[in-house]
Structure formats: C-alpha cells, structure tokens
Amino acid sequence: MNNPQIEFSDRKSEIDLYQLQELLNISAFWAKGRSIEDLSIAIANSEPVISVWDNESERLIGFARATSDGIYRATIWDVVIHPEYRNIGLGSNLVENLLSHPRMRWVERVYLMTTHQQQFYKKIGFQPNTTTTMVLLNLANLSLVPDTEVQLQESPK
C-alpha cells in the first residue's frame, strides 16, 4: 500500500491513549471499555507497538502490539483497523510491520488469538494451532470473569 496520507509508526510516545481507547471501543468487541491507565500499562510492557495514522486528519486508525523474548516466542495482541479504513490492505500491512520489526524479525514462533479473523491471518501465513493453547483466568482480577460469582473469604486479623 502506497498512500502518503497513511503513516505507520513504531514510536510508543506518539500514541494518544484517548484516541486508542476510542479506536478499540469502535473497532474491537473484545477490547471495549479498557481504561486509559490499563492501556498505558499494556503499551509500556509491549515491544513492538505499531500505530497507523491518517496524517490528513491526524487520527489514529490502526494499532497492534506484541510481547516477545526477542528470539523464541512472541504473541501479537490488539490488532485493529478503524472500520472506515478496512479492506484496503492496512490490516495486512500493520501485521507485516509488526512482524518485520527488529524485536520480532528472528522470533521462532509467533502466536495470536483471534475469534473471527482466522481467514485473514491465514492469508498472512498463520496456521491453526490446536496443540498448545491454554488459558488461566486470573481470579485476582475479577473483571476478567464478569459472569462468575466468586466468594472471597476475609483473611483473619
């Protein structure tokens, strides 16, 4: 994609957290309602972080981040493109920018989780993996399990 109006950036300091929060609320059912504080922590602990900007409107229109040890394993998180900018190749370019970043370039295995976009990621080269995915819900953060009643016991004084 060659559009001078669109710019990809790996500078975390340029990300406007309020624009990111709005982008996630508009574009990602799985990321609605994230707080500014939590987004700040997630970005600080991720490398690389790639943002996509419409320079004409100075608007954040895409975002993705990864966590990695830089050699063996990495996980991609929060890949989003604003609905008005979809189906023009930005999503693929965003993931490719993330994967070509020096922190990701030599990683042996890159994981991601997706609910409905398996075909999109297959086009980029990802393959289904049914053998290694497990999850642990951290009950210390009760917001992760909103439909579960958890009874907490008071600690002895």
Protein backbone atom coordinates (compact mmCIF):
# COMPACT_ATOMS: atom_id res chain seq x y z
CA MET A 1 0.00 0.00 0.00
CA ASN A 2 1.47 3.33 -1.05
CA ASN A 3 -0.58 6.21 0.32
CA PRO A 4 1.28 9.30 1.56
CA GLN A 5 -1.71 10.17 3.74
CA ILE A 6 -1.22 6.95 5.79
CA GLU A 7 1.78 6.56 8.11
CA PHE A 8 2.95 3.58 10.18
CA SER A 9 4.89 4.32 13.37
CA ASP A 10 6.70 2.25 15.99
CA ARG A 11 7.10 5.17 18.39
CA LYS A 12 5.08 4.42 21.52
CA SER A 13 5.43 8.01 22.70
CA GLU A 14 3.26 9.22 19.81
CA ILE A 15 0.22 7.18 20.80
CA ASP A 16 -2.65 9.26 22.09
CA LEU A 17 -4.24 6.96 24.68
CA TYR A 18 -7.62 8.63 24.31
CA GLN A 19 -7.61 8.03 20.56
CA LEU A 20 -6.52 4.44 21.18
CA GLN A 21 -9.33 3.92 23.68
CA GLU A 22 -11.83 5.28 21.15
CA LEU A 23 -10.39 3.12 18.34
CA LEU A 24 -10.67 -0.01 20.47
CA ASN A 25 -14.23 0.86 21.53
CA ILE A 26 -15.27 1.37 17.89
CA SER A 27 -13.31 -1.48 16.31
CA ALA A 28 -12.89 -4.32 18.80
CA PHE A 29 -15.71 -6.02 20.70
CA TRP A 30 -13.08 -7.77 22.85
CA ALA A 31 -11.43 -4.52 23.94
CA LYS A 32 -14.38 -2.26 24.73
CA GLY A 33 -14.14 -0.32 27.97
CA ARG A 34 -10.40 -0.58 28.57
CA SER A 35 -9.22 2.20 30.83
CA ILE A 36 -6.56 4.75 29.90
CA GLU A 37 -4.44 3.52 32.82
CA ASP A 38 -4.61 -0.10 31.68
CA LEU A 39 -3.81 0.85 28.07
CA SER A 40 -0.78 2.78 29.30
CA ILE A 41 0.49 -0.27 31.21
CA ALA A 42 -0.12 -2.60 28.24
CA ILE A 43 1.80 -0.32 25.87
CA ALA A 44 4.66 0.17 28.32
CA ASN A 45 5.06 -3.62 28.59
CA SER A 46 4.83 -4.32 24.85
CA GLU A 47 7.51 -4.19 22.19
CA PRO A 48 6.95 -3.53 19.38
CA VAL A 49 3.89 -1.32 19.27
CA ILE A 50 2.79 -0.21 15.81
CA SER A 51 0.28 2.54 15.18
CA VAL A 52 -1.29 3.65 11.89
CA TRP A 53 -2.17 7.28 11.32
CA ASP A 54 -4.21 9.24 8.82
CA ASN A 55 -1.90 12.27 8.53
CA GLU A 56 -4.55 14.40 6.92
CA SER A 57 -6.92 14.14 9.89
CA GLU A 58 -4.17 13.37 12.47
CA ARG A 59 -6.28 10.40 13.51
CA LEU A 60 -5.19 7.03 14.88
CA ILE A 61 -6.72 4.48 12.50
CA GLY A 62 -4.83 1.29 13.35
CA PHE A 63 -2.94 -0.35 16.16
CA ALA A 64 -1.19 -3.59 17.06
CA ARG A 65 1.28 -4.65 19.71
CA ALA A 66 3.36 -7.68 20.65
CA THR A 67 5.17 -9.14 23.61
CA SER A 68 8.27 -11.20 22.99
CA ASP A 69 11.53 -12.58 24.33
CA GLY A 70 13.03 -11.50 21.00
CA ILE A 71 14.20 -14.95 19.89
CA TYR A 72 11.93 -17.90 20.74
CA ARG A 73 8.37 -16.74 21.32
CA ALA A 74 6.15 -13.75 20.72
CA THR A 75 2.45 -13.05 20.93
CA ILE A 76 0.54 -10.49 18.88
CA TRP A 77 -2.21 -8.52 20.62
CA ASP A 78 -4.89 -5.96 19.83
CA VAL A 79 -4.74 -5.79 16.03
CA VAL A 80 -7.35 -3.20 14.99
CA ILE A 81 -8.16 -1.06 11.98
CA HIS A 82 -10.84 1.63 12.13
CA PRO A 83 -13.95 0.42 10.23
CA GLU A 84 -13.75 3.33 7.74
CA TYR A 85 -10.26 2.18 6.67
CA ARG A 86 -10.82 -1.57 6.31
CA ASN A 87 -10.48 -3.65 3.14
CA ILE A 88 -7.71 -1.54 1.61
CA GLY A 89 -4.75 -3.60 2.86
CA LEU A 90 -3.98 -1.71 6.07
CA GLY A 91 -4.55 -4.73 8.34
CA SER A 92 -2.08 -6.89 6.42
CA ASN A 93 0.45 -4.05 6.32
CA LEU A 94 0.02 -3.49 10.04
CA VAL A 95 0.76 -7.13 10.88
CA GLU A 96 3.67 -7.19 8.41
CA ASN A 97 5.14 -4.06 10.04
CA LEU A 98 4.86 -5.73 13.43
CA LEU A 99 6.49 -8.96 12.21
CA SER A 100 9.35 -7.15 10.45
CA HIS A 101 10.25 -5.07 13.49
CA PRO A 102 13.78 -5.90 14.80
CA ARG A 103 12.29 -7.22 18.05
CA MET A 104 10.18 -9.74 16.10
CA ARG A 105 12.17 -10.50 12.96
CA TRP A 106 14.03 -13.54 14.30
CA VAL A 107 11.39 -14.96 16.64
CA GLU A 108 10.91 -18.69 16.11
CA ARG A 109 7.15 -18.84 16.86
CA VAL A 110 4.61 -16.04 16.84
CA TYR A 111 1.25 -16.68 18.48
CA LEU A 112 -2.01 -14.78 18.34
CA MET A 113 -5.57 -15.31 19.42
CA THR A 114 -8.50 -14.41 17.20
CA THR A 115 -12.20 -15.02 17.45
CA HIS A 116 -13.46 -14.38 13.92
CA GLN A 117 -10.47 -13.46 11.74
CA GLN A 118 -8.82 -16.83 11.10
CA GLN A 119 -9.02 -16.44 7.30
CA PHE A 120 -7.38 -13.00 7.43
CA TYR A 121 -4.42 -14.36 9.40
CA LYS A 122 -4.14 -17.49 7.22
CA LYS A 123 -3.56 -15.19 4.21
CA ILE A 124 -0.59 -13.69 6.07
CA GLY A 125 0.85 -17.14 6.81
CA PHE A 126 -0.50 -18.05 10.24
CA GLN A 127 -1.70 -21.61 10.75
CA PRO A 128 -4.24 -23.02 13.20
CA ASN A 129 -2.61 -24.44 16.32
CA THR A 130 -4.72 -26.75 18.42
CA THR A 131 -1.97 -28.33 20.49
CA THR A 132 -0.51 -25.57 22.66
CA THR A 133 -3.19 -23.06 23.55
CA MET A 134 -4.32 -22.93 27.14
CA VAL A 135 -5.56 -20.11 29.33
CA LEU A 136 -5.55 -19.27 33.03
CA LEU A 137 -8.06 -16.70 34.19
CA ASN A 138 -6.51 -14.64 36.94
CA LEU A 139 -9.17 -14.56 39.65
CA ALA A 140 -7.30 -11.75 41.39
CA ASN A 141 -8.64 -9.54 38.61
CA LEU A 142 -12.36 -10.22 38.93
CA SER A 143 -13.15 -8.11 35.88
CA LEU A 144 -11.77 -10.94 33.74
CA VAL A 145 -14.60 -13.22 34.80
CA PRO A 146 -17.68 -10.94 34.83
CA ASP A 147 -20.31 -13.69 34.74
CA THR A 148 -18.82 -15.77 37.51
CA GLU A 149 -19.77 -15.38 41.13
CA VAL A 150 -16.70 -15.58 43.28
CA GLN A 151 -16.95 -15.57 47.03
CA LEU A 152 -14.00 -14.09 48.80
CA GLN A 153 -13.18 -15.05 52.34
CA GLU A 154 -11.94 -12.43 54.74
CA SER A 155 -8.43 -13.00 55.91
CA PRO A 156 -8.01 -13.48 59.66
CA LYS A 157 -6.97 -10.35 61.52
